[in-house]
Amino acid sequence: MAKSKRITSPDKVAPESVENNSGMLHPVTPEQRYHYVEVAAYYIAERRRSFDAGYAHEDWAQAELEIDRLLAEVQINR
């Protein structure tokens, strides 16, 4: 699986993710995005491997892609 260059922490959010949702009525803060990614990564780890160790970066990268896609589609922030 390809590694994401956009693995973030709440204080270091990729600028393009903030720009992508800036047109929303209520833009998502970096902290909210981080929380969405964190929760999504948890469920990805549970669903894919029943929390087997060693895949946290892959799960996080996949979660970031999914959350950014949803934010772009304005499905989370309605």
C-alpha atoms as a PDB file:
ATOM      1  CA  MET A   1       0.000   0.000   0.000  1.00  0.00           C
ATOM      2  CA  ALA A   2       1.297   3.480  -0.845  1.00  0.00           C
ATOM      3  CA  LYS A   3       2.380   5.644   2.040  1.00  0.00           C
ATOM      4  CA  SER A   4       0.687   8.982   2.512  1.00  0.00           C
ATOM      5  CA  LYS A   5       2.759  12.141   2.823  1.00  0.00           C
ATOM      6  CA  ARG A   6      -0.073  13.747   4.788  1.00  0.00           C
ATOM      7  CA  ILE A   7       0.034  11.991   8.138  1.00  0.00           C
ATOM      8  CA  THR A   8      -0.794  14.764  10.555  1.00  0.00           C
ATOM      9  CA  SER A   9      -1.123  15.702  14.160  1.00  0.00           C
ATOM     10  CA  PRO A  10      -3.674  18.213  15.425  1.00  0.00           C
ATOM     11  CA  ASP A  11      -1.131  21.018  15.475  1.00  0.00           C
ATOM     12  CA  LYS A  12       0.322  20.158  12.059  1.00  0.00           C
ATOM     13  CA  VAL A  13      -2.550  19.815   9.599  1.00  0.00           C
ATOM     14  CA  ALA A  14      -1.950  19.679   5.876  1.00  0.00           C
ATOM     15  CA  PRO A  15      -2.844  23.164   4.519  1.00  0.00           C
ATOM     16  CA  GLU A  16      -4.695  21.726   1.538  1.00  0.00           C
ATOM     17  CA  SER A  17      -7.185  19.982   3.842  1.00  0.00           C
ATOM     18  CA  VAL A  18      -8.095  23.288   5.465  1.00  0.00           C
ATOM     19  CA  GLU A  19      -8.353  24.980   2.076  1.00  0.00           C
ATOM     20  CA  ASN A  20     -10.540  22.185   0.710  1.00  0.00           C
ATOM     21  CA  ASN A  21     -13.258  22.745   3.299  1.00  0.00           C
ATOM     22  CA  SER A  22     -12.995  26.532   3.612  1.00  0.00           C
ATOM     23  CA  GLY A  23     -16.085  27.034   1.433  1.00  0.00           C
ATOM     24  CA  MET A  24     -18.330  25.149   3.859  1.00  0.00           C
ATOM     25  CA  LEU A  25     -20.821  26.900   6.098  1.00  0.00           C
ATOM     26  CA  HIS A  26     -18.954  25.634   9.164  1.00  0.00           C
ATOM     27  CA  PRO A  27     -15.394  24.690   8.193  1.00  0.00           C
ATOM     28  CA  VAL A  28     -13.797  21.841  10.082  1.00  0.00           C
ATOM     29  CA  THR A  29     -11.022  22.908  12.428  1.00  0.00           C
ATOM     30  CA  PRO A  30      -7.673  21.108  12.405  1.00  0.00           C
ATOM     31  CA  GLU A  31      -8.602  19.545  15.760  1.00  0.00           C
ATOM     32  CA  GLN A  32     -11.936  18.261  14.426  1.00  0.00           C
ATOM     33  CA  ARG A  33     -10.260  16.809  11.334  1.00  0.00           C
ATOM     34  CA  TYR A  34      -7.671  15.092  13.510  1.00  0.00           C
ATOM     35  CA  HIS A  35     -10.432  13.575  15.653  1.00  0.00           C
ATOM     36  CA  TYR A  36     -12.327  12.357  12.562  1.00  0.00           C
ATOM     37  CA  VAL A  37      -9.131  10.743  11.228  1.00  0.00           C
ATOM     38  CA  GLU A  38      -8.360   9.211  14.617  1.00  0.00           C
ATOM     39  CA  VAL A  39     -11.795   7.588  14.877  1.00  0.00           C
ATOM     40  CA  ALA A  40     -11.712   6.416  11.265  1.00  0.00           C
ATOM     41  CA  ALA A  41      -8.241   4.871  11.745  1.00  0.00           C
ATOM     42  CA  TYR A  42      -9.539   2.983  14.791  1.00  0.00           C
ATOM     43  CA  TYR A  43     -12.388   1.455  12.807  1.00  0.00           C
ATOM     44  CA  ILE A  44     -10.138   0.682   9.841  1.00  0.00           C
ATOM     45  CA  ALA A  45      -7.728  -1.172  12.150  1.00  0.00           C
ATOM     46  CA  GLU A  46     -10.618  -3.078  13.707  1.00  0.00           C
ATOM     47  CA  ARG A  47     -12.260  -3.942  10.387  1.00  0.00           C
ATOM     48  CA  ARG A  48      -9.144  -4.940   8.448  1.00  0.00           C
ATOM     49  CA  ARG A  49      -6.993  -6.837  10.930  1.00  0.00           C
ATOM     50  CA  SER A  50      -8.693  -6.977  14.312  1.00  0.00           C
ATOM     51  CA  PHE A  51      -6.079  -4.511  15.630  1.00  0.00           C
ATOM     52  CA  ASP A  52      -2.964  -6.461  14.600  1.00  0.00           C
ATOM     53  CA  ALA A  53       0.106  -4.386  15.414  1.00  0.00           C
ATOM     54  CA  GLY A  54       2.398  -2.896  12.815  1.00  0.00           C
ATOM     55  CA  TYR A  55      -0.108  -1.229  10.494  1.00  0.00           C
ATOM     56  CA  ALA A  56      -0.892   2.031  12.296  1.00  0.00           C
ATOM     57  CA  HIS A  57       0.662   4.251   9.616  1.00  0.00           C
ATOM     58  CA  GLU A  58      -1.234   2.501   6.821  1.00  0.00           C
ATOM     59  CA  ASP A  59      -4.495   2.699   8.754  1.00  0.00           C
ATOM     60  CA  TRP A  60      -3.919   6.391   9.516  1.00  0.00           C
ATOM     61  CA  ALA A  61      -3.095   7.199   5.883  1.00  0.00           C
ATOM     62  CA  GLN A  62      -6.228   5.406   4.694  1.00  0.00           C
ATOM     63  CA  ALA A  63      -8.314   7.234   7.300  1.00  0.00           C
ATOM     64  CA  GLU A  64      -6.929  10.596   6.146  1.00  0.00           C
ATOM     65  CA  LEU A  65      -7.867   9.821   2.561  1.00  0.00           C
ATOM     66  CA  GLU A  66     -11.393   8.789   3.548  1.00  0.00           C
ATOM     67  CA  ILE A  67     -11.986  11.795   5.817  1.00  0.00           C
ATOM     68  CA  ASP A  68     -10.614  14.258   3.269  1.00  0.00           C
ATOM     69  CA  ARG A  69     -12.854  12.709   0.608  1.00  0.00           C
ATOM     70  CA  LEU A  70     -15.883  13.023   2.872  1.00  0.00           C
ATOM     71  CA  LEU A  71     -15.005  16.599   3.783  1.00  0.00           C
ATOM     72  CA  ALA A  72     -14.675  17.432   0.108  1.00  0.00           C
ATOM     73  CA  GLU A  73     -18.143  15.974  -0.477  1.00  0.00           C
ATOM     74  CA  VAL A  74     -19.496  17.965   2.491  1.00  0.00           C
ATOM     75  CA  GLN A  75     -20.943  14.849   4.098  1.00  0.00           C
ATOM     76  CA  ILE A  76     -19.436  15.226   7.531  1.00  0.00           C
ATOM     77  CA  ASN A  77     -20.140  18.894   8.041  1.00  0.00           C
ATOM     78  CA  ARG A  78     -23.852  19.156   7.188  1.00  0.00           C
END
